[in-house]
Amino acid sequence: MTDRIQLGLTDVSASAAAPASVVNEELLVTGMTCAHCVASVREELSEIDGVEAVSVDLVAGGTSHVTVHSATPLDDDALTAAIEEAGYTRVSA
């Protein structure tokens, strides 16, 4: 198994080129172990009004990183509720 290392680096040129209307919500989720888990979380989050895309960096058995892309800010409670509806736990950074 390969351990993941988050360096926290940001490509400044890519950030500057991104449209100002794009909002990326970074979420930490525990309990996910497989592709089915990822699909469940994506499905629940995608049902929230305004969500355009969901990407997941799965860390099986650890804390996975979920990014929710939208054009406008999303309700934090709705994001947490969707993750819990899928059967997983959102954790604070």
PDB file of N, CA and C in Angstrom:
ATOM      1  N   MET A   1       0.842  -1.174   0.000  1.00  0.00           N
ATOM      2  CA  MET A   1       0.000   0.000   0.000  1.00  0.00           C
ATOM      3  C   MET A   1       0.890   1.241   0.000  1.00  0.00           C
ATOM      4  N   THR A   2       0.508   2.222  -0.753  1.00  0.00           N
ATOM      5  CA  THR A   2       1.256   3.459  -0.855  1.00  0.00           C
ATOM      6  C   THR A   2       0.644   4.510   0.058  1.00  0.00           C
ATOM      7  N   ASP A   3       1.485   5.114   0.881  1.00  0.00           N
ATOM      8  CA  ASP A   3       1.015   6.203   1.732  1.00  0.00           C
ATOM      9  C   ASP A   3       0.927   7.472   0.915  1.00  0.00           C
ATOM     10  N   ARG A   4      -0.064   8.292   1.202  1.00  0.00           N
ATOM     11  CA  ARG A   4      -0.226   9.553   0.495  1.00  0.00           C
ATOM     12  C   ARG A   4       0.362  10.667   1.357  1.00  0.00           C
ATOM     13  N   ILE A   5       1.051  11.567   0.704  1.00  0.00           N
ATOM     14  CA  ILE A   5       1.626  12.716   1.391  1.00  0.00           C
ATOM     15  C   ILE A   5       1.045  13.967   0.758  1.00  0.00           C
ATOM     16  N   GLN A   6       0.389  14.782   1.555  1.00  0.00           N
ATOM     17  CA  GLN A   6      -0.171  16.044   1.090  1.00  0.00           C
ATOM     18  C   GLN A   6       0.864  17.133   1.326  1.00  0.00           C
ATOM     19  N   LEU A   7       1.361  17.741   0.265  1.00  0.00           N
ATOM     20  CA  LEU A   7       2.388  18.765   0.384  1.00  0.00           C
ATOM     21  C   LEU A   7       1.825  20.152   0.618  1.00  0.00           C
ATOM     22  N   GLY A   8       0.551  20.342   0.281  1.00  0.00           N
ATOM     23  CA  GLY A   8      -0.064  21.644   0.480  1.00  0.00           C
ATOM     24  C   GLY A   8       0.430  22.700  -0.490  1.00  0.00           C
ATOM     25  N   LEU A   9       0.938  22.283  -1.642  1.00  0.00           N
ATOM     26  CA  LEU A   9       1.426  23.233  -2.639  1.00  0.00           C
ATOM     27  C   LEU A   9       0.289  23.695  -3.526  1.00  0.00           C
ATOM     28  N   THR A  10       0.349  24.928  -3.954  1.00  0.00           N
ATOM     29  CA  THR A  10      -0.668  25.480  -4.834  1.00  0.00           C
ATOM     30  C   THR A  10       0.008  26.058  -6.061  1.00  0.00           C
ATOM     31  N   ASP A  11      -0.510  25.716  -7.229  1.00  0.00           N
ATOM     32  CA  ASP A  11      -0.010  26.271  -8.481  1.00  0.00           C
ATOM     33  C   ASP A  11      -0.639  27.650  -8.644  1.00  0.00           C
ATOM     34  N   VAL A  12       0.126  28.683  -8.415  1.00  0.00           N
ATOM     35  CA  VAL A  12      -0.384  30.047  -8.451  1.00  0.00           C
ATOM     36  C   VAL A  12      -0.918  30.399  -9.831  1.00  0.00           C
ATOM     37  N   SER A  13      -0.254  29.964 -10.875  1.00  0.00           N
ATOM     38  CA  SER A  13      -0.704  30.303 -12.221  1.00  0.00           C
ATOM     39  C   SER A  13      -2.049  29.658 -12.526  1.00  0.00           C
ATOM     40  N   ALA A  14      -2.285  28.455 -12.047  1.00  0.00           N
ATOM     41  CA  ALA A  14      -3.565  27.784 -12.265  1.00  0.00           C
ATOM     42  C   ALA A  14      -4.666  28.483 -11.486  1.00  0.00           C
ATOM     43  N   SER A  15      -4.372  28.923 -10.271  1.00  0.00           N
ATOM     44  CA  SER A  15      -5.373  29.613  -9.456  1.00  0.00           C
ATOM     45  C   SER A  15      -5.783  30.925 -10.100  1.00  0.00           C
ATOM     46  N   ALA A  16      -4.830  31.631 -10.664  1.00  0.00           N
ATOM     47  CA  ALA A  16      -5.119  32.915 -11.276  1.00  0.00           C
ATOM     48  C   ALA A  16      -5.972  32.748 -12.533  1.00  0.00           C
ATOM     49  N   ALA A  17      -5.824  31.614 -13.213  1.00  0.00           N
ATOM     50  CA  ALA A  17      -6.556  31.382 -14.456  1.00  0.00           C
ATOM     51  C   ALA A  17      -7.979  30.877 -14.210  1.00  0.00           C
ATOM     52  N   ALA A  18      -8.258  30.395 -13.010  1.00  0.00           N
ATOM     53  CA  ALA A  18      -9.578  29.844 -12.710  1.00  0.00           C
ATOM     54  C   ALA A  18     -10.603  30.967 -12.630  1.00  0.00           C
ATOM     55  N   PRO A  19     -11.823  30.718 -13.119  1.00  0.00           N
ATOM     56  CA  PRO A  19     -12.864  31.738 -13.037  1.00  0.00           C
ATOM     57  C   PRO A  19     -13.168  32.102 -11.580  1.00  0.00           C
ATOM     58  N   ALA A  20     -13.467  33.352 -11.344  1.00  0.00           N
ATOM     59  CA  ALA A  20     -13.738  33.816  -9.987  1.00  0.00           C
ATOM     60  C   ALA A  20     -15.011  33.203  -9.417  1.00  0.00           C
ATOM     61  N   SER A  21     -15.900  32.708 -10.282  1.00  0.00           N
ATOM     62  CA  SER A  21     -17.175  32.176  -9.802  1.00  0.00           C
ATOM     63  C   SER A  21     -17.080  30.728  -9.333  1.00  0.00           C
ATOM     64  N   VAL A  22     -15.916  30.081  -9.471  1.00  0.00           N
ATOM     65  CA  VAL A  22     -15.781  28.684  -9.075  1.00  0.00           C
ATOM     66  C   VAL A  22     -15.451  28.596  -7.587  1.00  0.00           C
ATOM     67  N   VAL A  23     -16.208  27.764  -6.875  1.00  0.00           N
ATOM     68  CA  VAL A  23     -15.993  27.537  -5.452  1.00  0.00           C
ATOM     69  C   VAL A  23     -15.639  26.077  -5.267  1.00  0.00           C
ATOM     70  N   ASN A  24     -14.549  25.811  -4.567  1.00  0.00           N
ATOM     71  CA  ASN A  24     -14.149  24.452  -4.250  1.00  0.00           C
ATOM     72  C   ASN A  24     -14.199  24.266  -2.749  1.00  0.00           C
ATOM     73  N   GLU A  25     -15.060  23.382  -2.281  1.00  0.00           N
ATOM     74  CA  GLU A  25     -15.162  23.067  -0.861  1.00  0.00           C
ATOM     75  C   GLU A  25     -14.326  21.821  -0.607  1.00  0.00           C
ATOM     76  N   GLU A  26     -13.338  21.917   0.262  1.00  0.00           N
ATOM     77  CA  GLU A  26     -12.484  20.789   0.606  1.00  0.00           C
ATOM     78  C   GLU A  26     -13.018  20.152   1.890  1.00  0.00           C
ATOM     79  N   LEU A  27     -13.349  18.861   1.817  1.00  0.00           N
ATOM     80  CA  LEU A  27     -13.919  18.147   2.947  1.00  0.00           C
ATOM     81  C   LEU A  27     -13.041  16.952   3.305  1.00  0.00           C
ATOM     82  N   LEU A  28     -12.989  16.613   4.577  1.00  0.00           N
ATOM     83  CA  LEU A  28     -12.287  15.419   5.037  1.00  0.00           C
ATOM     84  C   LEU A  28     -13.336  14.420   5.491  1.00  0.00           C
ATOM     85  N   VAL A  29     -13.227  13.179   4.999  1.00  0.00           N
ATOM     86  CA  VAL A  29     -14.240  12.160   5.266  1.00  0.00           C
ATOM     87  C   VAL A  29     -13.559  10.872   5.709  1.00  0.00           C
ATOM     88  N   THR A  30     -14.066  10.269   6.783  1.00  0.00           N
ATOM     89  CA  THR A  30     -13.534   8.988   7.251  1.00  0.00           C
ATOM     90  C   THR A  30     -14.547   7.879   7.014  1.00  0.00           C
ATOM     91  N   GLY A  31     -14.024   6.654   6.969  1.00  0.00           N
ATOM     92  CA  GLY A  31     -14.875   5.478   6.839  1.00  0.00           C
ATOM     93  C   GLY A  31     -14.955   4.910   5.433  1.00  0.00           C
ATOM     94  N   MET A  32     -14.423   5.603   4.457  1.00  0.00           N
ATOM     95  CA  MET A  32     -14.482   5.126   3.078  1.00  0.00           C
ATOM     96  C   MET A  32     -13.345   4.133   2.826  1.00  0.00           C
ATOM     97  N   THR A  33     -13.673   3.020   2.148  1.00  0.00           N
ATOM     98  CA  THR A  33     -12.655   1.997   1.920  1.00  0.00           C
ATOM     99  C   THR A  33     -12.545   1.523   0.471  1.00  0.00           C
ATOM    100  N   CYS A  34     -13.507   1.893  -0.383  1.00  0.00           N
ATOM    101  CA  CYS A  34     -13.506   1.313  -1.733  1.00  0.00           C
ATOM    102  C   CYS A  34     -14.230   2.230  -2.728  1.00  0.00           C
ATOM    103  N   ALA A  35     -14.270   1.782  -3.976  1.00  0.00           N
ATOM    104  CA  ALA A  35     -14.922   2.551  -5.037  1.00  0.00           C
ATOM    105  C   ALA A  35     -16.413   2.714  -4.781  1.00  0.00           C
ATOM    106  N   HIS A  36     -17.040   1.731  -4.162  1.00  0.00           N
ATOM    107  CA  HIS A  36     -18.473   1.848  -3.838  1.00  0.00           C
ATOM    108  C   HIS A  36     -18.697   2.982  -2.841  1.00  0.00           C
ATOM    109  N   CYS A  37     -17.808   3.114  -1.881  1.00  0.00           N
ATOM    110  CA  CYS A  37     -17.896   4.205  -0.907  1.00  0.00           C
ATOM    111  C   CYS A  37     -17.803   5.556  -1.619  1.00  0.00           C
ATOM    112  N   VAL A  38     -16.853   5.650  -2.536  1.00  0.00           N
ATOM    113  CA  VAL A  38     -16.659   6.883  -3.301  1.00  0.00           C
ATOM    114  C   VAL A  38     -17.921   7.215  -4.083  1.00  0.00           C
ATOM    115  N   ALA A  39     -18.503   6.209  -4.738  1.00  0.00           N
ATOM    116  CA  ALA A  39     -19.716   6.424  -5.534  1.00  0.00           C
ATOM    117  C   ALA A  39     -20.865   6.894  -4.654  1.00  0.00           C
ATOM    118  N   SER A  40     -20.994   6.339  -3.453  1.00  0.00           N
ATOM    119  CA  SER A  40     -22.072   6.739  -2.538  1.00  0.00           C
ATOM    120  C   SER A  40     -21.936   8.193  -2.118  1.00  0.00           C
ATOM    121  N   VAL A  41     -20.726   8.599  -1.775  1.00  0.00           N
ATOM    122  CA  VAL A  41     -20.487   9.980  -1.349  1.00  0.00           C
ATOM    123  C   VAL A  41     -20.722  10.932  -2.516  1.00  0.00           C
ATOM    124  N   ARG A  42     -20.206  10.586  -3.696  1.00  0.00           N
ATOM    125  CA  ARG A  42     -20.421  11.433  -4.877  1.00  0.00           C
ATOM    126  C   ARG A  42     -21.901  11.598  -5.176  1.00  0.00           C
ATOM    127  N   GLU A  43     -22.654  10.500  -5.106  1.00  0.00           N
ATOM    128  CA  GLU A  43     -24.087  10.542  -5.409  1.00  0.00           C
ATOM    129  C   GLU A  43     -24.827  11.469  -4.453  1.00  0.00           C
ATOM    130  N   GLU A  44     -24.580  11.328  -3.162  1.00  0.00           N
ATOM    131  CA  GLU A  44     -25.276  12.165  -2.173  1.00  0.00           C
ATOM    132  C   GLU A  44     -24.903  13.637  -2.310  1.00  0.00           C
ATOM    133  N   LEU A  45     -23.622  13.927  -2.485  1.00  0.00           N
ATOM    134  CA  LEU A  45     -23.202  15.325  -2.616  1.00  0.00           C
ATOM    135  C   LEU A  45     -23.706  15.947  -3.914  1.00  0.00           C
ATOM    136  N   SER A  46     -23.783  15.160  -4.969  1.00  0.00           N
ATOM    137  CA  SER A  46     -24.241  15.671  -6.264  1.00  0.00           C
ATOM    138  C   SER A  46     -25.708  16.071  -6.254  1.00  0.00           C
ATOM    139  N   GLU A  47     -26.463  15.581  -5.292  1.00  0.00           N
ATOM    140  CA  GLU A  47     -27.881  15.922  -5.195  1.00  0.00           C
ATOM    141  C   GLU A  47     -28.123  17.298  -4.577  1.00  0.00           C
ATOM    142  N   ILE A  48     -27.088  17.904  -4.011  1.00  0.00           N
ATOM    143  CA  ILE A  48     -27.229  19.237  -3.418  1.00  0.00           C
ATOM    144  C   ILE A  48     -27.287  20.260  -4.552  1.00  0.00           C
ATOM    145  N   ASP A  49     -28.282  21.161  -4.479  1.00  0.00           N
ATOM    146  CA  ASP A  49     -28.413  22.213  -5.492  1.00  0.00           C
ATOM    147  C   ASP A  49     -27.138  23.033  -5.576  1.00  0.00           C
ATOM    148  N   GLY A  50     -26.654  23.226  -6.782  1.00  0.00           N
ATOM    149  CA  GLY A  50     -25.473  24.036  -7.011  1.00  0.00           C
ATOM    150  C   GLY A  50     -24.191  23.237  -7.194  1.00  0.00           C
ATOM    151  N   VAL A  51     -24.202  21.959  -6.792  1.00  0.00           N
ATOM    152  CA  VAL A  51     -22.999  21.146  -6.952  1.00  0.00           C
ATOM    153  C   VAL A  51     -22.823  20.796  -8.425  1.00  0.00           C
ATOM    154  N   GLU A  52     -21.650  21.110  -8.961  1.00  0.00           N
ATOM    155  CA  GLU A  52     -21.352  20.838 -10.364  1.00  0.00           C
ATOM    156  C   GLU A  52     -20.531  19.571 -10.542  1.00  0.00           C
ATOM    157  N   ALA A  53     -19.646  19.278  -9.582  1.00  0.00           N
ATOM    158  CA  ALA A  53     -18.808  18.079  -9.662  1.00  0.00           C
ATOM    159  C   ALA A  53     -18.283  17.739  -8.275  1.00  0.00           C
ATOM    160  N   VAL A  54     -17.937  16.464  -8.104  1.00  0.00           N
ATOM    161  CA  VAL A  54     -17.360  15.996  -6.848  1.00  0.00           C
ATOM    162  C   VAL A  54     -16.163  15.121  -7.197  1.00  0.00           C
ATOM    163  N   SER A  55     -15.020  15.398  -6.591  1.00  0.00           N
ATOM    164  CA  SER A  55     -13.857  14.533  -6.786  1.00  0.00           C
ATOM    165  C   SER A  55     -13.407  14.012  -5.425  1.00  0.00           C
ATOM    166  N   VAL A  56     -12.923  12.771  -5.428  1.00  0.00           N
ATOM    167  CA  VAL A  56     -12.538  12.118  -4.182  1.00  0.00           C
ATOM    168  C   VAL A  56     -11.129  11.549  -4.318  1.00  0.00           C
ATOM    169  N   ASP A  57     -10.283  11.856  -3.345  1.00  0.00           N
ATOM    170  CA  ASP A  57      -8.968  11.248  -3.226  1.00  0.00           C
ATOM    171  C   ASP A  57      -9.093  10.232  -2.097  1.00  0.00           C
ATOM    172  N   LEU A  58      -9.366   8.972  -2.466  1.00  0.00           N
ATOM    173  CA  LEU A  58      -9.638   7.921  -1.487  1.00  0.00           C
ATOM    174  C   LEU A  58      -8.361   7.491  -0.782  1.00  0.00           C
ATOM    175  N   VAL A  59      -8.426   7.494   0.538  1.00  0.00           N
ATOM    176  CA  VAL A  59      -7.385   6.914   1.377  1.00  0.00           C
ATOM    177  C   VAL A  59      -8.093   5.823   2.166  1.00  0.00           C
ATOM    178  N   ALA A  60      -8.047   4.602   1.630  1.00  0.00           N
ATOM    179  CA  ALA A  60      -8.797   3.481   2.201  1.00  0.00           C
ATOM    180  C   ALA A  60      -8.472   3.296   3.682  1.00  0.00           C
ATOM    181  N   GLY A  61      -9.521   3.346   4.504  1.00  0.00           N
ATOM    182  CA  GLY A  61      -9.368   3.169   5.936  1.00  0.00           C
ATOM    183  C   GLY A  61      -8.828   4.385   6.663  1.00  0.00           C
ATOM    184  N   GLY A  62      -8.553   5.459   5.939  1.00  0.00           N
ATOM    185  CA  GLY A  62      -8.017   6.669   6.554  1.00  0.00           C
ATOM    186  C   GLY A  62      -8.947   7.847   6.307  1.00  0.00           C
ATOM    187  N   THR A  63      -8.378   9.018   6.232  1.00  0.00           N
ATOM    188  CA  THR A  63      -9.150  10.227   5.978  1.00  0.00           C
ATOM    189  C   THR A  63      -9.032  10.586   4.514  1.00  0.00           C
ATOM    190  N   SER A  64     -10.136  10.476   3.797  1.00  0.00           N
ATOM    191  CA  SER A  64     -10.168  10.784   2.369  1.00  0.00           C
ATOM    192  C   SER A  64     -10.457  12.261   2.164  1.00  0.00           C
ATOM    193  N   HIS A  65      -9.945  12.799   1.066  1.00  0.00           N
ATOM    194  CA  HIS A  65     -10.161  14.205   0.729  1.00  0.00           C
ATOM    195  C   HIS A  65     -11.220  14.281  -0.369  1.00  0.00           C
ATOM    196  N   VAL A  66     -12.278  15.012  -0.084  1.00  0.00           N
ATOM    197  CA  VAL A  66     -13.387  15.171  -1.026  1.00  0.00           C
ATOM    198  C   VAL A  66     -13.455  16.644  -1.404  1.00  0.00           C
ATOM    199  N   THR A  67     -13.494  16.914  -2.705  1.00  0.00           N
ATOM    200  CA  THR A  67     -13.599  18.284  -3.189  1.00  0.00           C
ATOM    201  C   THR A  67     -14.925  18.437  -3.919  1.00  0.00           C
ATOM    202  N   VAL A  68     -15.706  19.410  -3.482  1.00  0.00           N
ATOM    203  CA  VAL A  68     -17.002  19.694  -4.095  1.00  0.00           C
ATOM    204  C   VAL A  68     -16.863  20.993  -4.878  1.00  0.00           C
ATOM    205  N   HIS A  69     -17.149  20.926  -6.170  1.00  0.00           N
ATOM    206  CA  HIS A  69     -17.031  22.082  -7.061  1.00  0.00           C
ATOM    207  C   HIS A  69     -18.422  22.663  -7.313  1.00  0.00           C
ATOM    208  N   SER A  70     -18.529  23.996  -7.188  1.00  0.00           N
ATOM    209  CA  SER A  70     -19.805  24.669  -7.433  1.00  0.00           C
ATOM    210  C   SER A  70     -19.538  26.076  -7.935  1.00  0.00           C
ATOM    211  N   ALA A  71     -20.579  26.705  -8.443  1.00  0.00           N
ATOM    212  CA  ALA A  71     -20.455  28.082  -8.916  1.00  0.00           C
ATOM    213  C   ALA A  71     -20.668  29.080  -7.787  1.00  0.00           C
ATOM    214  N   THR A  72     -21.337  28.646  -6.727  1.00  0.00           N
ATOM    215  CA  THR A  72     -21.627  29.514  -5.588  1.00  0.00           C
ATOM    216  C   THR A  72     -21.309  28.769  -4.296  1.00  0.00           C
ATOM    217  N   PRO A  73     -21.126  29.485  -3.198  1.00  0.00           N
ATOM    218  CA  PRO A  73     -20.892  28.816  -1.913  1.00  0.00           C
ATOM    219  C   PRO A  73     -22.059  27.887  -1.559  1.00  0.00           C
ATOM    220  N   LEU A  74     -21.733  26.777  -0.898  1.00  0.00           N
ATOM    221  CA  LEU A  74     -22.738  25.779  -0.520  1.00  0.00           C
ATOM    222  C   LEU A  74     -22.953  25.801   0.982  1.00  0.00           C
ATOM    223  N   ASP A  75     -24.127  25.346   1.397  1.00  0.00           N
ATOM    224  CA  ASP A  75     -24.462  25.262   2.808  1.00  0.00           C
ATOM    225  C   ASP A  75     -23.638  24.158   3.462  1.00  0.00           C
ATOM    226  N   ASP A  76     -22.848  24.529   4.461  1.00  0.00           N
ATOM    227  CA  ASP A  76     -21.962  23.587   5.140  1.00  0.00           C
ATOM    228  C   ASP A  76     -22.737  22.440   5.791  1.00  0.00           C
ATOM    229  N   ASP A  77     -23.890  22.749   6.383  1.00  0.00           N
ATOM    230  CA  ASP A  77     -24.706  21.715   7.024  1.00  0.00           C
ATOM    231  C   ASP A  77     -25.239  20.718   6.000  1.00  0.00           C
ATOM    232  N   ALA A  78     -25.570  21.195   4.805  1.00  0.00           N
ATOM    233  CA  ALA A  78     -26.059  20.309   3.744  1.00  0.00           C
ATOM    234  C   ALA A  78     -24.960  19.362   3.290  1.00  0.00           C
ATOM    235  N   LEU A  79     -23.725  19.851   3.222  1.00  0.00           N
ATOM    236  CA  LEU A  79     -22.602  19.003   2.842  1.00  0.00           C
ATOM    237  C   LEU A  79     -22.391  17.892   3.878  1.00  0.00           C
ATOM    238  N   THR A  80     -22.414  18.273   5.144  1.00  0.00           N
ATOM    239  CA  THR A  80     -22.238  17.296   6.225  1.00  0.00           C
ATOM    240  C   THR A  80     -23.376  16.281   6.216  1.00  0.00           C
ATOM    241  N   ALA A  81     -24.601  16.738   6.049  1.00  0.00           N
ATOM    242  CA  ALA A  81     -25.759  15.842   6.024  1.00  0.00           C
ATOM    243  C   ALA A  81     -25.675  14.840   4.871  1.00  0.00           C
ATOM    244  N   ALA A  82     -25.204  15.288   3.708  1.00  0.00           N
ATOM    245  CA  ALA A  82     -25.076  14.399   2.550  1.00  0.00           C
ATOM    246  C   ALA A  82     -24.043  13.308   2.817  1.00  0.00           C
ATOM    247  N   ILE A  83     -22.928  13.672   3.437  1.00  0.00           N
ATOM    248  CA  ILE A  83     -21.897  12.691   3.761  1.00  0.00           C
ATOM    249  C   ILE A  83     -22.430  11.675   4.769  1.00  0.00           C
ATOM    250  N   GLU A  84     -23.154  12.155   5.776  1.00  0.00           N
ATOM    251  CA  GLU A  84     -23.733  11.256   6.775  1.00  0.00           C
ATOM    252  C   GLU A  84     -24.807  10.369   6.158  1.00  0.00           C
ATOM    253  N   GLU A  85     -25.584  10.897   5.216  1.00  0.00           N
ATOM    254  CA  GLU A  85     -26.607  10.114   4.522  1.00  0.00           C
ATOM    255  C   GLU A  85     -25.959   8.963   3.748  1.00  0.00           C
ATOM    256  N   ALA A  86     -24.767   9.199   3.230  1.00  0.00           N
ATOM    257  CA  ALA A  86     -24.037   8.159   2.504  1.00  0.00           C
ATOM    258  C   ALA A  86     -23.454   7.113   3.464  1.00  0.00           C
ATOM    259  N   GLY A  87     -23.419   7.442   4.761  1.00  0.00           N
ATOM    260  CA  GLY A  87     -22.942   6.485   5.755  1.00  0.00           C
ATOM    261  C   GLY A  87     -21.528   6.735   6.256  1.00  0.00           C
ATOM    262  N   TYR A  88     -21.026   7.960   6.058  1.00  0.00           N
ATOM    263  CA  TYR A  88     -19.650   8.259   6.425  1.00  0.00           C
ATOM    264  C   TYR A  88     -19.603   9.468   7.346  1.00  0.00           C
ATOM    265  N   THR A  89     -18.422   9.807   7.832  1.00  0.00           N
ATOM    266  CA  THR A  89     -18.269  10.869   8.816  1.00  0.00           C
ATOM    267  C   THR A  89     -17.366  11.967   8.278  1.00  0.00           C
ATOM    268  N   ARG A  90     -17.833  13.187   8.389  1.00  0.00           N
ATOM    269  CA  ARG A  90     -17.022  14.352   8.027  1.00  0.00           C
ATOM    270  C   ARG A  90     -16.248  14.770   9.259  1.00  0.00           C
ATOM    271  N   VAL A  91     -14.957  15.020   9.081  1.00  0.00           N
ATOM    272  CA  VAL A  91     -14.129  15.431  10.198  1.00  0.00           C
ATOM    273  C   VAL A  91     -13.566  16.817   9.944  1.00  0.00           C
ATOM    274  N   SER A  92     -13.204  17.502  11.024  1.00  0.00           N
ATOM    275  CA  SER A  92     -12.620  18.828  10.909  1.00  0.00           C
ATOM    276  C   SER A  92     -11.130  18.707  10.619  1.00  0.00           C
ATOM    277  N   ALA A  93     -10.602  19.732   9.972  1.00  0.00           N
ATOM    278  CA  ALA A  93      -9.161  19.728   9.621  1.00  0.00           C
ATOM    279  C   ALA A  93      -8.306  19.865  10.850  1.00  0.00           C
TER     280      ALA A  93
END
